[in-house]
Amino acid sequence: MMYRRFSIQKILSKVRMLSMWLKIRHLVDPVFQYLNQPVGHTDRHTVWNPNRFWYLYKINLLEKCWQKEAANKGQHTY
């Protein structure tokens, strides 16, 4: 019985660690994209204002999620 309780605690700690990692990733990913913008390319514009970049990043993320959800729903409709 003690072995089973230990394994459940271990699983819960891993779930908490994964949750924390996802929260950190949601902050690090936009910062990384902001710092690695292409400079001087004509096909994409560089956004220098961090607030403007954050606004455009959220819109882009919302569009990607919307397209992903529509694609998933499209597979199940006949």
N, C-alpha and C. Protein backbone atom coordinates (compact mmCIF):
# COMPACT_ATOMS: atom_id res chain seq x y z
N MET A 1 0.82 -1.19 0.00
CA MET A 1 0.00 0.00 0.00
C MET A 1 0.87 1.26 0.00
N MET A 2 1.95 1.24 0.74
CA MET A 2 2.83 2.40 0.80
C MET A 2 3.47 2.66 -0.57
N TYR A 3 3.79 1.63 -1.30
CA TYR A 3 4.40 1.77 -2.62
C TYR A 3 3.44 2.48 -3.57
N ARG A 4 2.17 2.13 -3.53
CA ARG A 4 1.18 2.75 -4.41
C ARG A 4 1.02 4.24 -4.09
N ARG A 5 1.01 4.61 -2.82
CA ARG A 5 0.87 6.01 -2.44
C ARG A 5 2.09 6.81 -2.91
N PHE A 6 3.26 6.22 -2.81
CA PHE A 6 4.46 6.90 -3.26
C PHE A 6 4.41 7.16 -4.76
N SER A 7 3.94 6.20 -5.52
CA SER A 7 3.90 6.39 -6.97
C SER A 7 2.87 7.45 -7.36
N ILE A 8 1.76 7.54 -6.65
CA ILE A 8 0.77 8.58 -6.93
C ILE A 8 1.35 9.95 -6.63
N GLN A 9 2.08 10.07 -5.53
CA GLN A 9 2.72 11.35 -5.20
C GLN A 9 3.75 11.72 -6.26
N LYS A 10 4.46 10.74 -6.75
CA LYS A 10 5.46 10.99 -7.78
C LYS A 10 4.80 11.47 -9.07
N ILE A 11 3.69 10.85 -9.42
CA ILE A 11 2.95 11.26 -10.62
C ILE A 11 2.42 12.68 -10.46
N LEU A 12 1.87 12.99 -9.29
CA LEU A 12 1.36 14.34 -9.05
C LEU A 12 2.46 15.39 -9.12
N SER A 13 3.63 15.07 -8.62
CA SER A 13 4.73 16.03 -8.70
C SER A 13 5.16 16.25 -10.14
N LYS A 14 5.13 15.20 -10.96
CA LYS A 14 5.48 15.35 -12.38
C LYS A 14 4.43 16.17 -13.12
N VAL A 15 3.17 16.01 -12.75
CA VAL A 15 2.11 16.80 -13.37
C VAL A 15 2.28 18.27 -13.01
N ARG A 16 2.61 18.55 -11.76
CA ARG A 16 2.84 19.95 -11.34
C ARG A 16 4.04 20.55 -12.08
N MET A 17 5.08 19.75 -12.25
CA MET A 17 6.27 20.23 -12.95
C MET A 17 5.95 20.52 -14.41
N LEU A 18 5.15 19.66 -15.04
CA LEU A 18 4.75 19.88 -16.42
C LEU A 18 3.90 21.14 -16.54
N SER A 19 3.00 21.34 -15.60
CA SER A 19 2.17 22.53 -15.60
C SER A 19 3.02 23.80 -15.48
N MET A 20 4.01 23.76 -14.61
CA MET A 20 4.90 24.90 -14.44
C MET A 20 5.69 25.14 -15.73
N TRP A 21 6.16 24.08 -16.37
CA TRP A 21 6.93 24.20 -17.61
C TRP A 21 6.08 24.84 -18.70
N LEU A 22 4.82 24.47 -18.80
CA LEU A 22 3.94 25.05 -19.82
C LEU A 22 3.72 26.54 -19.56
N LYS A 23 3.59 26.93 -18.30
CA LYS A 23 3.43 28.35 -17.98
C LYS A 23 4.68 29.14 -18.38
N ILE A 24 5.84 28.58 -18.10
CA ILE A 24 7.09 29.25 -18.47
C ILE A 24 7.22 29.34 -19.98
N ARG A 25 6.84 28.28 -20.67
CA ARG A 25 6.96 28.26 -22.13
C ARG A 25 6.06 29.31 -22.77
N HIS A 26 4.87 29.55 -22.19
CA HIS A 26 3.97 30.56 -22.74
C HIS A 26 4.56 31.96 -22.63
N LEU A 27 5.49 32.16 -21.71
CA LEU A 27 6.15 33.46 -21.58
C LEU A 27 7.42 33.54 -22.42
N VAL A 28 8.16 32.45 -22.49
CA VAL A 28 9.45 32.46 -23.16
C VAL A 28 9.29 32.46 -24.68
N ASP A 29 8.32 31.74 -25.21
CA ASP A 29 8.16 31.62 -26.65
C ASP A 29 7.96 32.97 -27.34
N PRO A 30 7.06 33.85 -26.87
CA PRO A 30 6.93 35.15 -27.54
C PRO A 30 8.19 36.01 -27.43
N VAL A 31 8.86 35.95 -26.30
CA VAL A 31 10.09 36.74 -26.14
C VAL A 31 11.15 36.25 -27.13
N PHE A 32 11.27 34.94 -27.27
CA PHE A 32 12.23 34.37 -28.21
C PHE A 32 11.89 34.79 -29.64
N GLN A 33 10.62 34.76 -30.00
CA GLN A 33 10.22 35.17 -31.35
C GLN A 33 10.47 36.66 -31.57
N TYR A 34 10.26 37.47 -30.55
CA TYR A 34 10.51 38.91 -30.68
C TYR A 34 11.99 39.18 -30.92
N LEU A 35 12.84 38.49 -30.18
CA LEU A 35 14.28 38.72 -30.31
C LEU A 35 14.86 38.14 -31.60
N ASN A 36 14.21 37.16 -32.20
CA ASN A 36 14.72 36.52 -33.41
C ASN A 36 13.93 36.91 -34.66
N GLN A 37 13.41 38.12 -34.67
CA GLN A 37 12.70 38.59 -35.86
C GLN A 37 13.69 38.83 -36.99
N PRO A 38 13.28 38.56 -38.23
CA PRO A 38 14.16 38.85 -39.36
C PRO A 38 14.26 40.36 -39.56
N VAL A 39 15.47 40.86 -39.66
CA VAL A 39 15.70 42.30 -39.84
C VAL A 39 16.14 42.52 -41.28
N GLY A 40 15.47 43.43 -41.97
CA GLY A 40 15.84 43.78 -43.32
C GLY A 40 15.21 42.92 -44.40
N HIS A 41 14.33 42.00 -44.05
CA HIS A 41 13.65 41.19 -45.05
C HIS A 41 12.45 41.96 -45.60
N THR A 42 12.22 41.83 -46.89
CA THR A 42 11.10 42.55 -47.49
C THR A 42 9.78 41.79 -47.37
N ASP A 43 9.84 40.47 -47.17
CA ASP A 43 8.60 39.70 -47.10
C ASP A 43 7.91 39.83 -45.74
N ARG A 44 8.66 40.13 -44.69
CA ARG A 44 8.07 40.31 -43.35
C ARG A 44 8.60 41.60 -42.74
N HIS A 45 7.72 42.29 -42.07
CA HIS A 45 8.11 43.54 -41.41
C HIS A 45 8.59 43.25 -39.99
N THR A 46 9.61 43.96 -39.56
CA THR A 46 10.09 43.84 -38.19
C THR A 46 9.28 44.78 -37.30
N VAL A 47 8.82 44.26 -36.17
CA VAL A 47 8.04 45.05 -35.22
C VAL A 47 8.96 45.41 -34.07
N TRP A 48 9.25 46.70 -33.92
CA TRP A 48 10.20 47.14 -32.89
C TRP A 48 9.53 47.37 -31.55
N ASN A 49 8.26 47.76 -31.56
CA ASN A 49 7.54 48.06 -30.32
C ASN A 49 7.09 46.74 -29.68
N PRO A 50 7.55 46.44 -28.45
CA PRO A 50 7.17 45.18 -27.81
C PRO A 50 5.66 45.05 -27.57
N ASN A 51 4.99 46.16 -27.27
CA ASN A 51 3.54 46.09 -27.07
C ASN A 51 2.82 45.74 -28.37
N ARG A 52 3.26 46.34 -29.45
CA ARG A 52 2.68 46.04 -30.76
C ARG A 52 2.97 44.59 -31.14
N PHE A 53 4.18 44.11 -30.88
CA PHE A 53 4.53 42.72 -31.18
C PHE A 53 3.65 41.77 -30.37
N TRP A 54 3.44 42.06 -29.09
CA TRP A 54 2.60 41.20 -28.24
C TRP A 54 1.17 41.16 -28.78
N TYR A 55 0.66 42.31 -29.20
CA TYR A 55 -0.68 42.37 -29.78
C TYR A 55 -0.78 41.51 -31.03
N LEU A 56 0.18 41.65 -31.94
CA LEU A 56 0.18 40.86 -33.18
C LEU A 56 0.43 39.38 -32.91
N TYR A 57 1.25 39.08 -31.91
CA TYR A 57 1.51 37.68 -31.55
C TYR A 57 0.23 37.00 -31.06
N LYS A 58 -0.54 37.70 -30.23
CA LYS A 58 -1.79 37.12 -29.72
C LYS A 58 -2.80 36.90 -30.84
N ILE A 59 -2.87 37.84 -31.78
CA ILE A 59 -3.78 37.68 -32.92
C ILE A 59 -3.36 36.49 -33.76
N ASN A 60 -2.06 36.37 -34.03
CA ASN A 60 -1.55 35.26 -34.83
C ASN A 60 -1.81 33.92 -34.14
N LEU A 61 -1.60 33.87 -32.83
CA LEU A 61 -1.85 32.64 -32.07
C LEU A 61 -3.33 32.27 -32.10
N LEU A 62 -4.20 33.26 -31.97
CA LEU A 62 -5.64 33.02 -32.03
C LEU A 62 -6.04 32.48 -33.41
N GLU A 63 -5.48 33.04 -34.48
CA GLU A 63 -5.78 32.56 -35.83
C GLU A 63 -5.32 31.12 -36.02
N LYS A 64 -4.14 30.79 -35.50
CA LYS A 64 -3.64 29.41 -35.61
C LYS A 64 -4.55 28.44 -34.86
N CYS A 65 -4.97 28.82 -33.66
CA CYS A 65 -5.86 27.95 -32.88
C CYS A 65 -7.21 27.80 -33.58
N TRP A 66 -7.70 28.87 -34.16
CA TRP A 66 -8.98 28.82 -34.85
C TRP A 66 -8.90 27.89 -36.06
N GLN A 67 -7.82 27.98 -36.83
CA GLN A 67 -7.65 27.11 -37.99
C GLN A 67 -7.48 25.66 -37.57
N LYS A 68 -6.76 25.43 -36.48
CA LYS A 68 -6.57 24.07 -35.99
C LYS A 68 -7.90 23.47 -35.55
N GLU A 69 -8.72 24.25 -34.85
CA GLU A 69 -10.02 23.76 -34.39
C GLU A 69 -10.93 23.48 -35.58
N ALA A 70 -10.91 24.35 -36.58
CA ALA A 70 -11.75 24.14 -37.76
C ALA A 70 -11.30 22.90 -38.53
N ALA A 71 -10.01 22.66 -38.59
CA ALA A 71 -9.49 21.47 -39.28
C ALA A 71 -9.91 20.21 -38.54
N ASN A 72 -9.86 20.25 -37.21
CA ASN A 72 -10.27 19.08 -36.42
C ASN A 72 -11.76 18.81 -36.58
N LYS A 73 -12.57 19.84 -36.61
CA LYS A 73 -14.01 19.65 -36.78
C LYS A 73 -14.33 19.17 -38.19
N GLY A 74 -13.56 19.62 -39.16
CA GLY A 74 -13.80 19.22 -40.55
C GLY A 74 -13.58 17.74 -40.79
N GLN A 75 -12.76 17.10 -39.99
CA GLN A 75 -12.50 15.69 -40.18
C GLN A 75 -13.70 14.84 -39.79
N HIS A 76 -14.52 15.32 -38.89
CA HIS A 76 -15.63 14.51 -38.37
C HIS A 76 -16.95 14.79 -39.08
N THR A 77 -17.02 15.81 -39.93
CA THR A 77 -18.27 16.09 -40.63
C THR A 77 -18.30 15.33 -41.94
N TYR A 78 -19.47 14.88 -42.32
CA TYR A 78 -19.61 14.11 -43.57
C TYR A 78 -20.49 14.85 -44.55
